[in-house]
C-alpha atoms as a PDB file:
ATOM      1  CA  MET A   1     139.515  80.225  80.961  1.00  0.00           C
ATOM      2  CA  ASN A   2     137.565  77.607  82.905  1.00  0.00           C
ATOM      3  CA  HIS A   3     135.126  79.285  85.294  1.00  0.00           C
ATOM      4  CA  GLU A   4     135.342  76.404  87.733  1.00  0.00           C
ATOM      5  CA  LEU A   5     139.073  76.924  88.228  1.00  0.00           C
ATOM      6  CA  LEU A   6     138.820  80.550  89.326  1.00  0.00           C
ATOM      7  CA  SER A   7     138.551  80.617  93.116  1.00  0.00           C
ATOM      8  CA  PHE A   8     137.785  83.695  95.204  1.00  0.00           C
ATOM      9  CA  SER A   9     137.857  84.948  98.780  1.00  0.00           C
ATOM     10  CA  ILE A  10     135.816  87.737 100.382  1.00  0.00           C
ATOM     11  CA  ILE A  11     137.366  90.135 102.906  1.00  0.00           C
ATOM     12  CA  LEU A  12     135.543  92.439 105.299  1.00  0.00           C
ATOM     13  CA  GLU A  13     136.451  94.118 108.587  1.00  0.00           C
ATOM     14  CA  THR A  14     134.930  95.752 111.671  1.00  0.00           C
ATOM     15  CA  GLU A  15     137.216  98.822 111.878  1.00  0.00           C
ATOM     16  CA  ASN A  16     134.761 101.151 110.166  1.00  0.00           C
ATOM     17  CA  LEU A  17     131.987 100.207 112.609  1.00  0.00           C
ATOM     18  CA  VAL A  18     133.328 102.579 115.284  1.00  0.00           C
ATOM     19  CA  ASN A  19     130.852 105.257 114.203  1.00  0.00           C
ATOM     20  CA  ALA A  20     128.386 103.089 112.335  1.00  0.00           C
ATOM     21  CA  ASP A  21     125.049 101.593 113.258  1.00  0.00           C
ATOM     22  CA  LEU A  22     125.912  98.054 114.373  1.00  0.00           C
ATOM     23  CA  ASN A  23     122.630  96.844 112.904  1.00  0.00           C
ATOM     24  CA  GLY A  24     124.153  97.868 109.590  1.00  0.00           C
ATOM     25  CA  LEU A  25     126.584  94.960 109.868  1.00  0.00           C
ATOM     26  CA  SER A  26     123.671  92.518 110.098  1.00  0.00           C
ATOM     27  CA  ARG A  27     121.949  94.107 107.089  1.00  0.00           C
ATOM     28  CA  SER A  28     125.201  94.109 105.152  1.00  0.00           C
ATOM     29  CA  LEU A  29     125.839  90.427 105.777  1.00  0.00           C
ATOM     30  CA  SER A  30     122.255  89.676 104.820  1.00  0.00           C
ATOM     31  CA  SER A  31     122.909  91.294 101.436  1.00  0.00           C
ATOM     32  CA  LEU A  32     126.070  89.199 101.113  1.00  0.00           C
ATOM     33  CA  ALA A  33     124.213  85.990 101.982  1.00  0.00           C
ATOM     34  CA  ALA A  34     121.751  86.691  99.148  1.00  0.00           C
ATOM     35  CA  GLN A  35     124.469  86.976  96.496  1.00  0.00           C
ATOM     36  CA  GLU A  36     124.815  84.803  93.437  1.00  0.00           C
ATOM     37  CA  PRO A  37     127.150  82.965  93.583  1.00  0.00           C
ATOM     38  CA  SER A  38     126.611  82.281  97.248  1.00  0.00           C
ATOM     39  CA  PRO A  39     129.409  83.219  99.670  1.00  0.00           C
ATOM     40  CA  THR A  40     129.507  79.531 100.518  1.00  0.00           C
ATOM     41  CA  CYS A  41     131.216  79.110  97.126  1.00  0.00           C
ATOM     42  CA  ALA A  42     134.130  81.264  98.276  1.00  0.00           C
ATOM     43  CA  ASN A  43     137.328  79.699  99.548  1.00  0.00           C
ATOM     44  CA  GLU A  44     136.663  81.749 102.672  1.00  0.00           C
ATOM     45  CA  VAL A  45     134.823  84.841 103.896  1.00  0.00           C
ATOM     46  CA  ILE A  46     137.236  86.456 106.334  1.00  0.00           C
ATOM     47  CA  LEU A  47     136.054  89.033 108.834  1.00  0.00           C
ATOM     48  CA  ILE A  48     138.995  90.913 110.352  1.00  0.00           C
ATOM     49  CA  ASP A  49     137.908  91.937 113.853  1.00  0.00           C
ATOM     50  CA  SER A  50     139.991  94.672 115.465  1.00  0.00           C
ATOM     51  CA  GLY A  51     137.758  94.891 118.523  1.00  0.00           C
ATOM     52  CA  ASP A  52     135.184  97.284 117.057  1.00  0.00           C
ATOM     53  CA  ALA A  53     132.157  94.972 117.225  1.00  0.00           C
ATOM     54  CA  PRO A  54     130.685  93.440 120.414  1.00  0.00           C
ATOM     55  CA  ALA A  55     131.634  89.805 120.945  1.00  0.00           C
ATOM     56  CA  ASP A  56     127.989  88.749 121.367  1.00  0.00           C
ATOM     57  CA  LEU A  57     127.095  90.327 118.006  1.00  0.00           C
ATOM     58  CA  LEU A  58     129.923  88.494 116.262  1.00  0.00           C
ATOM     59  CA  GLN A  59     128.861  85.236 117.908  1.00  0.00           C
ATOM     60  CA  GLU A  60     125.286  85.755 116.720  1.00  0.00           C
ATOM     61  CA  LEU A  61     126.423  86.541 113.180  1.00  0.00           C
ATOM     62  CA  CYS A  62     128.630  83.439 113.032  1.00  0.00           C
ATOM     63  CA  HIS A  63     125.628  81.388 114.122  1.00  0.00           C
ATOM     64  CA  LEU A  64     123.499  82.906 111.347  1.00  0.00           C
ATOM     65  CA  TYR A  65     126.287  82.785 108.745  1.00  0.00           C
ATOM     66  CA  PRO A  66     128.550  79.827 109.574  1.00  0.00           C
ATOM     67  CA  TRP A  67     130.654  80.499 106.456  1.00  0.00           C
ATOM     68  CA  ILE A  68     132.230  83.541 108.165  1.00  0.00           C
ATOM     69  CA  LYS A  69     135.757  83.042 109.483  1.00  0.00           C
ATOM     70  CA  ILE A  70     136.686  85.589 112.135  1.00  0.00           C
ATOM     71  CA  HIS A  71     140.333  86.537 112.422  1.00  0.00           C
ATOM     72  CA  GLU A  72     141.174  88.597 115.493  1.00  0.00           C
ATOM     73  CA  ALA A  73     143.585  91.448 114.799  1.00  0.00           C
ATOM     74  CA  PRO A  74     145.248  93.659 117.400  1.00  0.00           C
ATOM     75  CA  ILE A  75     143.033  96.445 118.731  1.00  0.00           C
ATOM     76  CA  GLY A  76     143.690  99.576 116.730  1.00  0.00           C
ATOM     77  CA  THR A  77     144.440  97.764 113.473  1.00  0.00           C
ATOM     78  CA  GLY A  78     143.512 100.299 110.803  1.00  0.00           C
ATOM     79  CA  TYR A  79     141.130  99.967 107.880  1.00  0.00           C
ATOM     80  CA  TYR A  80     143.776  99.428 105.187  1.00  0.00           C
ATOM     81  CA  GLN A  81     145.888  97.228 107.432  1.00  0.00           C
ATOM     82  CA  SER A  82     142.824  95.036 108.016  1.00  0.00           C
ATOM     83  CA  LYS A  83     142.152  94.742 104.290  1.00  0.00           C
ATOM     84  CA  MET A  84     145.732  93.777 103.466  1.00  0.00           C
ATOM     85  CA  LEU A  85     145.868  91.342 106.382  1.00  0.00           C
ATOM     86  CA  GLY A  86     142.789  89.647 104.956  1.00  0.00           C
ATOM     87  CA  ALA A  87     144.408  89.454 101.518  1.00  0.00           C
ATOM     88  CA  LYS A  88     147.473  87.744 102.998  1.00  0.00           C
ATOM     89  CA  LEU A  89     145.327  85.226 104.891  1.00  0.00           C
ATOM     90  CA  ALA A  90     143.081  84.420 101.930  1.00  0.00           C
ATOM     91  CA  THR A  91     143.666  81.523  99.550  1.00  0.00           C
ATOM     92  CA  GLY A  92     141.406  82.465  96.608  1.00  0.00           C
ATOM     93  CA  GLU A  93     142.813  83.541  93.252  1.00  0.00           C
ATOM     94  CA  ILE A  94     140.546  86.603  93.403  1.00  0.00           C
ATOM     95  CA  ILE A  95     140.264  88.835  96.472  1.00  0.00           C
ATOM     96  CA  VAL A  96     136.898  90.590  96.747  1.00  0.00           C
ATOM     97  CA  PHE A  97     136.808  93.515  99.183  1.00  0.00           C
ATOM     98  CA  TYR A  98     133.549  94.176 100.953  1.00  0.00           C
ATOM     99  CA  ASP A  99     132.643  96.724 103.659  1.00  0.00           C
ATOM    100  CA  SER A 100     130.513  96.053 106.693  1.00  0.00           C
ATOM    101  CA  ASP A 101     128.510  99.292 106.329  1.00  0.00           C
ATOM    102  CA  CYS A 102     127.386  98.744 102.719  1.00  0.00           C
ATOM    103  CA  LEU A 103     124.408  97.055 101.088  1.00  0.00           C
ATOM    104  CA  TYR A 104     125.180  95.157  97.880  1.00  0.00           C
ATOM    105  CA  GLU A 105     122.827  94.601  94.973  1.00  0.00           C
ATOM    106  CA  HIS A 106     121.775  91.014  94.369  1.00  0.00           C
ATOM    107  CA  TYR A 107     124.110  90.205  91.452  1.00  0.00           C
ATOM    108  CA  TRP A 108     127.020  92.327  92.683  1.00  0.00           C
ATOM    109  CA  LEU A 109     129.340  89.394  93.379  1.00  0.00           C
ATOM    110  CA  LYS A 110     128.596  87.695  90.060  1.00  0.00           C
ATOM    111  CA  VAL A 111     129.226  90.772  87.928  1.00  0.00           C
ATOM    112  CA  ILE A 112     132.380  91.903  89.738  1.00  0.00           C
ATOM    113  CA  LEU A 113     133.904  88.455  89.179  1.00  0.00           C
ATOM    114  CA  GLN A 114     132.892  88.153  85.512  1.00  0.00           C
ATOM    115  CA  PRO A 115     135.678  90.288  83.960  1.00  0.00           C
ATOM    116  CA  PHE A 116     138.392  88.078  85.435  1.00  0.00           C
ATOM    117  CA  TYR A 117     137.088  85.231  83.281  1.00  0.00           C
ATOM    118  CA  GLN A 118     137.328  87.382  80.143  1.00  0.00           C
ATOM    119  CA  SER A 119     141.075  87.981  80.258  1.00  0.00           C
ATOM    120  CA  GLU A 120     144.029  86.928  82.377  1.00  0.00           C
ATOM    121  CA  ASN A 121     145.381  90.460  81.878  1.00  0.00           C
ATOM    122  CA  ILE A 122     142.572  91.977  83.967  1.00  0.00           C
ATOM    123  CA  GLN A 123     144.039  92.440  87.438  1.00  0.00           C
ATOM    124  CA  ILE A 124     141.609  94.822  89.160  1.00  0.00           C
ATOM    125  CA  VAL A 125     137.868  95.375  88.765  1.00  0.00           C
ATOM    126  CA  ALA A 126     136.065  98.215  90.544  1.00  0.00           C
ATOM    127  CA  GLY A 127     132.329  98.473  91.076  1.00  0.00           C
ATOM    128  CA  GLU A 128     130.291 101.626  91.658  1.00  0.00           C
ATOM    129  CA  THR A 129     129.459 102.880  95.156  1.00  0.00           C
ATOM    130  CA  ALA A 130     126.840 105.530  95.932  1.00  0.00           C
ATOM    131  CA  THR A 131     125.495 106.979  99.171  1.00  0.00           C
ATOM    132  CA  VAL A 132     122.094 105.852 100.431  1.00  0.00           C
ATOM    133  CA  SER A 133     119.745 108.701  99.475  1.00  0.00           C
ATOM    134  CA  ALA A 134     116.435 109.498 101.124  1.00  0.00           C
ATOM    135  CA  GLY A 135     114.971 112.746 102.402  1.00  0.00           C
ATOM    136  CA  ILE A 136     116.726 115.997 103.236  1.00  0.00           C
ATOM    137  CA  TYR A 137     119.826 114.437 104.781  1.00  0.00           C
ATOM    138  CA  GLY A 138     120.078 111.765 102.091  1.00  0.00           C
ATOM    139  CA  THR A 139     119.928 114.346  99.315  1.00  0.00           C
ATOM    140  CA  ALA A 140     122.606 116.448 101.018  1.00  0.00           C
ATOM    141  CA  MET A 141     124.908 113.441 101.411  1.00  0.00           C
ATOM    142  CA  ALA A 142     124.313 112.369  97.809  1.00  0.00           C
ATOM    143  CA  MET A 143     125.645 115.794  96.788  1.00  0.00           C
ATOM    144  CA  THR A 144     128.571 116.291  99.184  1.00  0.00           C
ATOM    145  CA  TYR A 145     129.769 112.934 100.522  1.00  0.00           C
ATOM    146  CA  ILE A 146     132.668 111.008  99.009  1.00  0.00           C
ATOM    147  CA  PHE A 147     130.840 108.738  96.615  1.00  0.00           C
ATOM    148  CA  PRO A 148     129.477 109.855  93.217  1.00  0.00           C
ATOM    149  CA  GLN A 149     126.089 108.855  91.875  1.00  0.00           C
ATOM    150  CA  PHE A 150     125.650 105.699  89.826  1.00  0.00           C
ATOM    151  CA  SER A 151     126.745 106.394  86.258  1.00  0.00           C
ATOM    152  CA  GLY A 152     124.045 104.395  84.498  1.00  0.00           C
ATOM    153  CA  GLN A 153     126.680 102.811  82.267  1.00  0.00           C
ATOM    154  CA  LYS A 154     126.498  99.127  81.350  1.00  0.00           C
ATOM    155  CA  GLU A 155     129.823  98.143  79.811  1.00  0.00           C
ATOM    156  CA  LEU A 156     133.233  97.425  81.337  1.00  0.00           C
ATOM    157  CA  ALA A 157     135.540 100.421  80.857  1.00  0.00           C
ATOM    158  CA  PRO A 158     138.858 101.810  82.172  1.00  0.00           C
ATOM    159  CA  ALA A 159     138.610 103.891  85.353  1.00  0.00           C
ATOM    160  CA  LYS A 160     140.896 106.300  87.203  1.00  0.00           C
ATOM    161  CA  GLN A 161     140.276 105.036  90.732  1.00  0.00           C
ATOM    162  CA  TYR A 162     138.411 102.558  92.882  1.00  0.00           C
ATOM    163  CA  PHE A 163     136.734 102.379  96.293  1.00  0.00           C
ATOM    164  CA  LEU A 164     137.952  99.667  98.623  1.00  0.00           C
ATOM    165  CA  ASN A 165     134.389  98.787  99.656  1.00  0.00           C
ATOM    166  CA  ASN A 166     133.643  97.542  96.134  1.00  0.00           C
ATOM    167  CA  VAL A 167     136.659  96.174  94.288  1.00  0.00           C
ATOM    168  CA  ALA A 168     138.309  92.866  93.409  1.00  0.00           C
ATOM    169  CA  PHE A 169     141.965  92.026  92.675  1.00  0.00           C
ATOM    170  CA  ARG A 170     143.892  89.016  91.534  1.00  0.00           C
ATOM    171  CA  ARG A 171     145.552  88.014  94.773  1.00  0.00           C
ATOM    172  CA  GLU A 172     149.076  87.596  93.404  1.00  0.00           C
ATOM    173  CA  PHE A 173     148.875  91.027  91.775  1.00  0.00           C
ATOM    174  CA  LEU A 174     147.664  92.715  94.968  1.00  0.00           C
ATOM    175  CA  LEU A 175     150.395  91.142  97.076  1.00  0.00           C
ATOM    176  CA  ARG A 176     152.980  92.254  94.501  1.00  0.00           C
ATOM    177  CA  TYR A 177     151.552  95.793  94.398  1.00  0.00           C
ATOM    178  CA  PRO A 178     149.965  96.214  97.849  1.00  0.00           C
ATOM    179  CA  ILE A 179     147.764  99.054  99.020  1.00  0.00           C
ATOM    180  CA  PRO A 180     149.983 101.387 101.106  1.00  0.00           C
ATOM    181  CA  THR A 181     148.980 101.228 104.754  1.00  0.00           C
ATOM    182  CA  GLN A 182     151.335 103.740 106.388  1.00  0.00           C
ATOM    183  CA  LEU A 183     150.118 106.994 104.843  1.00  0.00           C
ATOM    184  CA  PRO A 184     149.054 110.066 106.877  1.00  0.00           C
ATOM    185  CA  LEU A 185     145.461 109.665 105.659  1.00  0.00           C
ATOM    186  CA  TYR A 186     142.255 108.670 107.377  1.00  0.00           C
ATOM    187  CA  ARG A 187     140.777 107.266 104.164  1.00  0.00           C
ATOM    188  CA  GLY A 188     141.896 107.652 100.580  1.00  0.00           C
ATOM    189  CA  ASN A 189     144.947 105.376 100.453  1.00  0.00           C
ATOM    190  CA  CYS A 190     143.280 103.745  97.460  1.00  0.00           C
ATOM    191  CA  VAL A 191     143.499 107.072  95.589  1.00  0.00           C
ATOM    192  CA  ILE A 192     147.281 106.951  95.936  1.00  0.00           C
ATOM    193  CA  HIS A 193     147.359 103.237  95.118  1.00  0.00           C
ATOM    194  CA  ALA A 194     145.229 103.680  91.987  1.00  0.00           C
ATOM    195  CA  HIS A 195     147.448 106.539  90.808  1.00  0.00           C
ATOM    196  CA  ASP A 196     150.590 104.453  91.299  1.00  0.00           C
ATOM    197  CA  LEU A 197     149.103 101.479  89.449  1.00  0.00           C
ATOM    198  CA  ARG A 198     148.144 103.592  86.459  1.00  0.00           C
ATOM    199  CA  GLU A 199     151.578 105.249  86.419  1.00  0.00           C
ATOM    200  CA  GLN A 200     153.077 101.767  86.155  1.00  0.00           C
ATOM    201  CA  GLY A 201     150.901 101.038  83.131  1.00  0.00           C
ATOM    202  CA  PHE A 202     148.144  98.938  84.724  1.00  0.00           C
ATOM    203  CA  THR A 203     144.477  99.414  83.885  1.00  0.00           C
ATOM    204  CA  ILE A 204     141.783  99.695  86.537  1.00  0.00           C
ATOM    205  CA  TRP A 205     138.590  98.317  85.023  1.00  0.00           C
ATOM    206  CA  LYS A 206     135.203  99.597  86.180  1.00  0.00           C
ATOM    207  CA  GLN A 207     132.252  97.247  86.191  1.00  0.00           C
ATOM    208  CA  PRO A 208     129.320  99.702  86.536  1.00  0.00           C
ATOM    209  CA  GLN A 209     126.812  96.927  87.131  1.00  0.00           C
ATOM    210  CA  ALA A 210     128.556  95.912  90.391  1.00  0.00           C
ATOM    211  CA  ARG A 211     126.713  98.390  92.592  1.00  0.00           C
ATOM    212  CA  THR A 212     126.611  99.027  96.325  1.00  0.00           C
ATOM    213  CA  LEU A 213     124.974 101.565  98.606  1.00  0.00           C
ATOM    214  CA  HIS A 214     127.146 103.087 101.336  1.00  0.00           C
ATOM    215  CA  ALA A 215     125.712 104.435 104.567  1.00  0.00           C
ATOM    216  CA  PRO A 216     126.060 108.207 105.159  1.00  0.00           C
ATOM    217  CA  PRO A 217     127.752 109.531 108.325  1.00  0.00           C
ATOM    218  CA  ASN A 218     125.837 108.267 111.341  1.00  0.00           C
ATOM    219  CA  GLY A 219     125.073 110.937 113.938  1.00  0.00           C
ATOM    220  CA  LEU A 220     126.265 114.490 114.513  1.00  0.00           C
ATOM    221  CA  ALA A 221     129.748 113.639 115.819  1.00  0.00           C
ATOM    222  CA  HIS A 222     130.459 111.282 112.944  1.00  0.00           C
ATOM    223  CA  PHE A 223     129.166 113.870 110.459  1.00  0.00           C
ATOM    224  CA  PHE A 224     131.373 116.602 111.975  1.00  0.00           C
ATOM    225  CA  TRP A 225     134.584 114.576 112.049  1.00  0.00           C
ATOM    226  CA  ARG A 226     134.027 112.746 108.781  1.00  0.00           C
ATOM    227  CA  PHE A 227     133.785 115.929 106.736  1.00  0.00           C
ATOM    228  CA  LEU A 228     136.698 117.563 108.565  1.00  0.00           C
ATOM    229  CA  LEU A 229     138.778 114.488 107.744  1.00  0.00           C
ATOM    230  CA  ILE A 230     137.743 114.611 104.088  1.00  0.00           C
ATOM    231  CA  GLY A 231     139.445 118.016 104.054  1.00  0.00           C
ATOM    232  CA  HIS A 232     142.468 116.506 105.814  1.00  0.00           C
ATOM    233  CA  ASP A 233     142.638 113.718 103.224  1.00  0.00           C
ATOM    234  CA  TYR A 234     142.320 116.150 100.296  1.00  0.00           C
ATOM    235  CA  TYR A 235     145.316 118.065 101.614  1.00  0.00           C
ATOM    236  CA  TRP A 236     147.455 114.958 102.015  1.00  0.00           C
ATOM    237  CA  GLN A 237     146.405 113.375  98.721  1.00  0.00           C
ATOM    238  CA  LYS A 238     147.432 116.496  96.817  1.00  0.00           C
ATOM    239  CA  ARG A 239     150.707 116.629  98.726  1.00  0.00           C
ATOM    240  CA  LEU A 240     151.533 112.963  98.177  1.00  0.00           C
ATOM    241  CA  LEU A 241     150.653 113.030  94.500  1.00  0.00           C
ATOM    242  CA  ARG A 242     152.911 116.016  93.908  1.00  0.00           C
ATOM    243  CA  ARG A 243     155.984 114.475  95.493  1.00  0.00           C
ATOM    244  CA  GLY A 244     158.855 113.420  93.272  1.00  0.00           C
ATOM    245  CA  LYS A 245     157.658 112.661  89.765  1.00  0.00           C
ATOM    246  CA  LYS A 246     153.990 112.987  90.705  1.00  0.00           C
ATOM    247  CA  GLN A 247     153.494 116.557  89.499  1.00  0.00           C
ATOM    248  CA  ASP A 248     150.032 116.143  88.005  1.00  0.00           C
ATOM    249  CA  GLN A 249     146.931 117.274  89.795  1.00  0.00           C
ATOM    250  CA  LEU A 250     144.514 114.799  91.257  1.00  0.00           C
ATOM    251  CA  ASP A 251     142.243 113.146  88.753  1.00  0.00           C
ATOM    252  CA  ASP A 252     139.295 114.056  90.956  1.00  0.00           C
ATOM    253  CA  PRO A 253     137.885 117.295  89.455  1.00  0.00           C
ATOM    254  CA  ALA A 254     136.711 118.319  92.923  1.00  0.00           C
ATOM    255  CA  MET A 255     140.341 119.060  93.807  1.00  0.00           C
ATOM    256  CA  ASN A 256     141.108 121.045  90.679  1.00  0.00           C
ATOM    257  CA  GLY A 257     139.811 124.507  91.557  1.00  0.00           C
ATOM    258  CA  ILE A 258     136.427 126.205  91.288  1.00  0.00           C
ATOM    259  CA  SER A 259     135.723 124.980  87.747  1.00  0.00           C
ATOM    260  CA  GLY A 260     136.339 121.388  88.819  1.00  0.00           C
ATOM    261  CA  LYS A 261     134.007 121.726  91.801  1.00  0.00           C
ATOM    262  CA  ILE A 262     131.270 123.206  89.600  1.00  0.00           C
ATOM    263  CA  GLN A 263     131.709 120.332  87.153  1.00  0.00           C
ATOM    264  CA  VAL A 264     131.309 117.796  89.974  1.00  0.00           C
ATOM    265  CA  PHE A 265     128.269 119.662  91.335  1.00  0.00           C
ATOM    266  CA  TYR A 266     126.361 119.612  88.039  1.00  0.00           C
ATOM    267  CA  ASP A 267     127.359 116.034  87.269  1.00  0.00           C
ATOM    268  CA  ARG A 268     126.118 114.809  90.632  1.00  0.00           C
ATOM    269  CA  LEU A 269     122.924 116.838  90.459  1.00  0.00           C
ATOM    270  CA  HIS A 270     122.086 115.525  86.995  1.00  0.00           C
ATOM    271  CA  LYS A 271     122.715 111.869  87.883  1.00  0.00           C
ATOM    272  CA  MET A 272     121.039 112.211  91.277  1.00  0.00           C
ATOM    273  CA  VAL A 273     117.785 113.450  89.747  1.00  0.00           C
ATOM    274  CA  ALA A 274     117.998 110.828  86.967  1.00  0.00           C
ATOM    275  CA  ASN A 275     118.385 108.069  89.580  1.00  0.00           C
ATOM    276  CA  ASP A 276     115.641 109.384  91.896  1.00  0.00           C
ATOM    277  CA  PRO A 277     113.446 112.348  90.825  1.00  0.00           C
ATOM    278  CA  ARG A 278     112.379 112.905  94.450  1.00  0.00           C
ATOM    279  CA  HIS A 279     115.673 114.751  94.950  1.00  0.00           C
ATOM    280  CA  ILE A 280     114.170 117.720  93.076  1.00  0.00           C
ATOM    281  CA  PHE A 281     111.829 118.269  96.020  1.00  0.00           C
ATOM    282  CA  PHE A 282     114.397 117.702  98.770  1.00  0.00           C
ATOM    283  CA  PHE A 283     117.234 119.649  97.151  1.00  0.00           C
ATOM    284  CA  PRO A 284     116.229 123.179  98.316  1.00  0.00           C
ATOM    285  CA  LEU A 285     115.675 121.897 101.855  1.00  0.00           C
ATOM    286  CA  ALA A 286     119.049 120.133 101.827  1.00  0.00           C
ATOM    287  CA  ILE A 287     121.071 123.248 100.935  1.00  0.00           C
ATOM    288  CA  PRO A 288     121.874 124.188 104.592  1.00  0.00           C
ATOM    289  CA  VAL A 289     123.211 120.679 105.263  1.00  0.00           C
ATOM    290  CA  MET A 290     125.235 120.771 102.043  1.00  0.00           C
ATOM    291  CA  PHE A 291     126.673 124.153 103.034  1.00  0.00           C
ATOM    292  CA  VAL A 292     127.739 122.881 106.466  1.00  0.00           C
ATOM    293  CA  SER A 293     129.347 119.718 105.074  1.00  0.00           C
ATOM    294  CA  ALA A 294     131.216 121.629 102.338  1.00  0.00           C
ATOM    295  CA  SER A 295     132.354 124.186 104.927  1.00  0.00           C
ATOM    296  CA  LEU A 296     133.704 121.438 107.182  1.00  0.00           C
ATOM    297  CA  ILE A 297     135.704 120.005 104.265  1.00  0.00           C
ATOM    298  CA  TYR A 298     137.183 123.433 103.576  1.00  0.00           C
ATOM    299  CA  ILE A 299     137.944 124.033 107.267  1.00  0.00           C
ATOM    300  CA  GLY A 300     139.595 120.614 107.512  1.00  0.00           C
ATOM    301  CA  TYR A 301     141.729 121.444 104.495  1.00  0.00           C
ATOM    302  CA  LEU A 302     142.771 124.825 105.961  1.00  0.00           C
ATOM    303  CA  ILE A 303     143.633 123.296 109.331  1.00  0.00           C
ATOM    304  CA  SER A 304     145.754 120.657 107.604  1.00  0.00           C
ATOM    305  CA  LEU A 305     147.583 123.345 105.638  1.00  0.00           C
ATOM    306  CA  GLN A 306     148.769 124.814 108.937  1.00  0.00           C
ATOM    307  CA  LYS A 307     149.029 121.626 111.021  1.00  0.00           C
ATOM    308  CA  PRO A 308     149.157 118.624 108.646  1.00  0.00           C
ATOM    309  CA  ASN A 309     148.700 115.901 111.274  1.00  0.00           C
ATOM    310  CA  TYR A 310     146.542 117.726 113.817  1.00  0.00           C
ATOM    311  CA  LEU A 311     143.063 116.508 112.828  1.00  0.00           C
ATOM    312  CA  LEU A 312     143.983 112.859 112.467  1.00  0.00           C
ATOM    313  CA  GLU A 313     145.850 112.918 115.790  1.00  0.00           C
ATOM    314  CA  GLN A 314     142.864 114.469 117.557  1.00  0.00           C
ATOM    315  CA  TYR A 315     140.421 112.022 116.013  1.00  0.00           C
ATOM    316  CA  SER A 316     142.651 109.088 116.960  1.00  0.00           C
ATOM    317  CA  LYS A 317     142.638 110.272 120.587  1.00  0.00           C
ATOM    318  CA  ILE A 318     138.843 110.372 120.552  1.00  0.00           C
ATOM    319  CA  LEU A 319     138.691 106.805 119.216  1.00  0.00           C
ATOM    320  CA  ASP A 320     141.200 105.619 121.817  1.00  0.00           C
ATOM    321  CA  ASN A 321     138.921 106.973 124.558  1.00  0.00           C
ATOM    322  CA  HIS A 322     135.780 105.558 122.929  1.00  0.00           C
END
């Protein structure tokens, strides 16, 4: 396949900046600007703005990065709706999804695009996302937040899921098999989407060298609600995956009982220390934070067992009054 004929578009959004540090958007775009190939090589870099970033900040960013195309979406447009809207607007053969609260390693864009040149049968390539880790809070989030530690692997290999902040699709494939946007989840629609794709016989390929760092919850309120909603999402993911013919348990061991949670714990701890030995020192001090975050997940799950939509409805009301 001729490399010069494979075009790509980059999609990001502002929806997840509601609770984030707005300076993170500037840092994130700086990491995108430093990529090889340059974002100027993309057909377009589309930023879907649903009203979650100040107009003066967006104006400043467009001045610094004139290759950004802002598309205004209705206020309240959700995270997955924004991503799929960007995919429909894009013209590149490859759609690269990027999040505005992540920092991407220098060759991230190059290595996530590479597999598509290897075979026309490769339709989806997922990178690896880990939580920024530093100090007591960073160690706690590395252990309990959504994202696993970097695997240390080098070669392309099949994967069970992907994160939408670090994944690329062939555009025609994604529009034929779109990410569901109308699920009763806060995040995690990609878990359902990945499951459905694999059930239909498609392979999700993981490119472990396409790495990004994701910001941890920002502030006490974000921390509180984010972990409650992880519990909410766990409940709904299990429920959705068990409907109809989907009788298997989630592929995530963390949802498969005590033994699965212990497996995840030791796997994360081992990789965390291998990636940064300083975690050995911070780990004992981080235990109270880990306990609180794990407790919030469990409480969120229990609340959702009794009132499946309660937490998401309450959180949506808070955002509406923000």
